Amino acid sequence: LLEEVLPLAEKQYKVSSKPAERAISGLSMGGGETLYTGLRHLDKFAWIGAMSSATQLAGKPDEVFASLSEKDNARIKLLWIAVGKSDFLLKNNQGFVEWLKSKKIEHKYVETEGAHTWLVWRRYLTDFLSQVNW
């Protein structure tokens, strides 16, 4: 993502290099990748939207995000996490949110009706993007 996709987007389009003007979002495994990439590269992304995320994609949060701390709240414009109450990844997302709370990382967590489906994610994408304001 950082070595191929982002450089290509920067070459093809007018893309800001300022973190406050960049968002990253994904769903399911892409939601896990969003958390992994976004929270480890706050120098590149300040808006992070994760939907029905595979939160254990890269390992345990304490190991994967060892350097993340309460001080990073100043760099995060929005960390938005959403999951459906019938999603098979609900417990993983709840656990990740509890971990964020234990580290005092500011975030917005949303649980809605629904499962691991496009109908849910389509609504989430609209909700997340409506909160991104650069």
Protein backbone atom coordinates (compact mmCIF):
# COMPACT_ATOMS: atom_id res chain seq x y z
CA LEU A 1 0.00 0.00 0.00
CA LEU A 2 2.67 2.51 1.02
CA GLU A 3 5.25 1.42 -1.54
CA GLU A 4 3.03 0.93 -4.60
CA VAL A 5 -0.54 2.23 -4.27
CA LEU A 6 0.13 5.54 -2.53
CA PRO A 7 3.03 6.55 -4.82
CA LEU A 8 0.92 5.69 -7.88
CA ALA A 9 -2.02 7.76 -6.58
CA GLU A 10 0.33 10.66 -5.85
CA LYS A 11 1.74 10.45 -9.38
CA GLN A 12 -1.64 10.19 -11.14
CA TYR A 13 -3.73 12.59 -9.02
CA LYS A 14 -3.45 15.76 -6.98
CA VAL A 15 -2.99 14.10 -3.58
CA SER A 16 -1.97 16.05 -0.53
CA SER A 17 1.01 14.83 1.43
CA LYS A 18 -0.37 16.35 4.64
CA PRO A 19 -1.73 13.73 7.07
CA ALA A 20 -4.60 16.07 8.04
CA GLU A 21 -5.70 15.94 4.39
CA ARG A 22 -5.52 12.17 3.99
CA ALA A 23 -7.90 9.39 4.97
CA ILE A 24 -7.58 5.64 4.90
CA SER A 25 -10.54 3.30 5.14
CA GLY A 26 -11.32 -0.35 4.58
CA LEU A 27 -13.61 -3.22 5.44
CA SER A 28 -13.05 -6.72 6.76
CA MET A 29 -9.42 -7.66 6.03
CA GLY A 30 -9.10 -4.20 4.51
CA GLY A 31 -10.34 -2.79 7.80
CA GLY A 32 -7.56 -4.66 9.59
CA GLU A 33 -5.08 -3.30 7.04
CA THR A 34 -6.53 0.18 7.57
CA LEU A 35 -5.91 -0.03 11.31
CA TYR A 36 -2.45 -1.55 10.83
CA THR A 37 -1.34 1.01 8.24
CA GLY A 38 -3.16 4.06 9.57
CA LEU A 39 -2.17 3.72 13.22
CA ARG A 40 1.43 2.84 12.37
CA HIS A 41 1.76 5.73 9.89
CA LEU A 42 0.19 8.75 11.53
CA ASP A 43 2.75 10.76 9.58
CA LYS A 44 0.69 9.88 6.47
CA PHE A 45 -2.94 9.52 7.64
CA ALA A 46 -4.96 11.44 10.25
CA TRP A 47 -8.41 10.11 9.28
CA ILE A 48 -8.84 6.35 9.83
CA GLY A 49 -12.09 4.50 9.14
CA ALA A 50 -12.29 0.77 9.86
CA MET A 51 -15.40 -1.29 9.13
CA SER A 52 -16.03 -4.86 10.31
CA SER A 53 -12.30 -5.13 10.79
CA ALA A 54 -10.16 -8.23 11.06
CA THR A 55 -8.47 -6.58 14.05
CA GLN A 56 -6.04 -9.45 14.71
CA LEU A 57 -4.80 -9.42 11.10
CA ALA A 58 -1.22 -8.52 12.02
CA GLY A 59 -1.14 -9.82 15.60
CA LYS A 60 -1.92 -8.64 19.11
CA PRO A 61 -2.43 -4.87 19.48
CA ASP A 62 0.20 -4.56 22.22
CA GLU A 63 2.78 -5.97 19.82
CA VAL A 64 1.60 -4.40 16.55
CA PHE A 65 1.02 -0.94 18.01
CA ALA A 66 3.68 -0.96 20.71
CA SER A 67 4.63 2.68 20.10
CA LEU A 68 1.03 4.01 19.99
CA SER A 69 0.23 6.15 23.01
CA GLU A 70 -2.12 8.80 24.33
CA LYS A 71 0.23 11.43 22.86
CA ASP A 72 -0.80 10.28 19.37
CA ASN A 73 -4.32 11.64 19.91
CA ALA A 74 -2.98 15.01 18.78
CA ARG A 75 -2.16 13.49 15.37
CA ILE A 76 -5.42 11.58 14.85
CA LYS A 77 -8.30 13.65 13.49
CA LEU A 78 -10.71 10.70 13.58
CA LEU A 79 -10.30 7.03 14.38
CA TRP A 80 -13.69 5.61 13.43
CA ILE A 81 -14.52 1.93 13.98
CA ALA A 82 -17.86 0.35 13.09
CA VAL A 83 -19.22 -3.19 13.14
CA GLY A 84 -22.59 -4.89 12.93
CA LYS A 85 -24.10 -6.64 15.95
CA SER A 86 -24.47 -9.83 13.88
CA ASP A 87 -20.98 -9.63 12.34
CA PHE A 88 -18.73 -12.60 13.10
CA LEU A 89 -15.96 -10.07 13.84
CA LEU A 90 -18.00 -8.23 16.50
CA LYS A 91 -16.09 -9.64 19.50
CA ASN A 92 -12.72 -8.91 17.87
CA ASN A 93 -13.74 -5.29 17.26
CA GLN A 94 -15.08 -4.93 20.79
CA GLY A 95 -11.79 -6.29 22.12
CA PHE A 96 -9.78 -3.88 19.99
CA VAL A 97 -11.88 -0.95 21.19
CA GLU A 98 -11.28 -2.01 24.80
CA TRP A 99 -7.56 -2.07 24.06
CA LEU A 100 -7.80 1.47 22.60
CA LYS A 101 -9.58 2.60 25.77
CA SER A 102 -6.84 1.05 27.93
CA LYS A 103 -4.26 3.08 25.96
CA LYS A 104 -6.46 6.22 26.11
CA ILE A 105 -6.56 6.45 22.32
CA GLU A 106 -9.49 8.62 21.28
CA HIS A 107 -11.85 6.96 18.83
CA LYS A 108 -15.46 6.75 17.79
CA TYR A 109 -16.99 3.29 17.96
CA VAL A 110 -20.26 2.43 16.25
CA GLU A 111 -22.26 -0.78 16.55
CA THR A 112 -25.30 -1.13 14.33
CA GLU A 113 -27.74 -3.79 13.30
CA GLY A 114 -26.41 -5.99 10.53
CA ALA A 115 -23.79 -8.55 9.64
CA HIS A 116 -20.65 -8.79 7.50
CA THR A 117 -22.33 -7.47 4.36
CA TRP A 118 -22.09 -4.78 1.74
CA LEU A 119 -25.42 -3.27 2.83
CA VAL A 120 -23.86 -2.46 6.21
CA TRP A 121 -20.53 -1.24 4.80
CA ARG A 122 -22.17 1.03 2.26
CA ARG A 123 -23.88 2.88 5.11
CA TYR A 124 -20.64 2.94 7.12
CA LEU A 125 -18.67 4.45 4.27
CA THR A 126 -21.20 7.26 3.97
CA ASP A 127 -21.11 7.82 7.73
CA PHE A 128 -17.31 7.88 7.90
CA LEU A 129 -16.85 10.16 4.90
CA SER A 130 -19.45 12.61 6.21
CA GLN A 131 -17.19 13.15 9.25
CA VAL A 132 -13.99 13.73 7.30
CA ASN A 133 -13.55 17.47 6.99
CA TRP A 134 -10.37 18.83 5.52
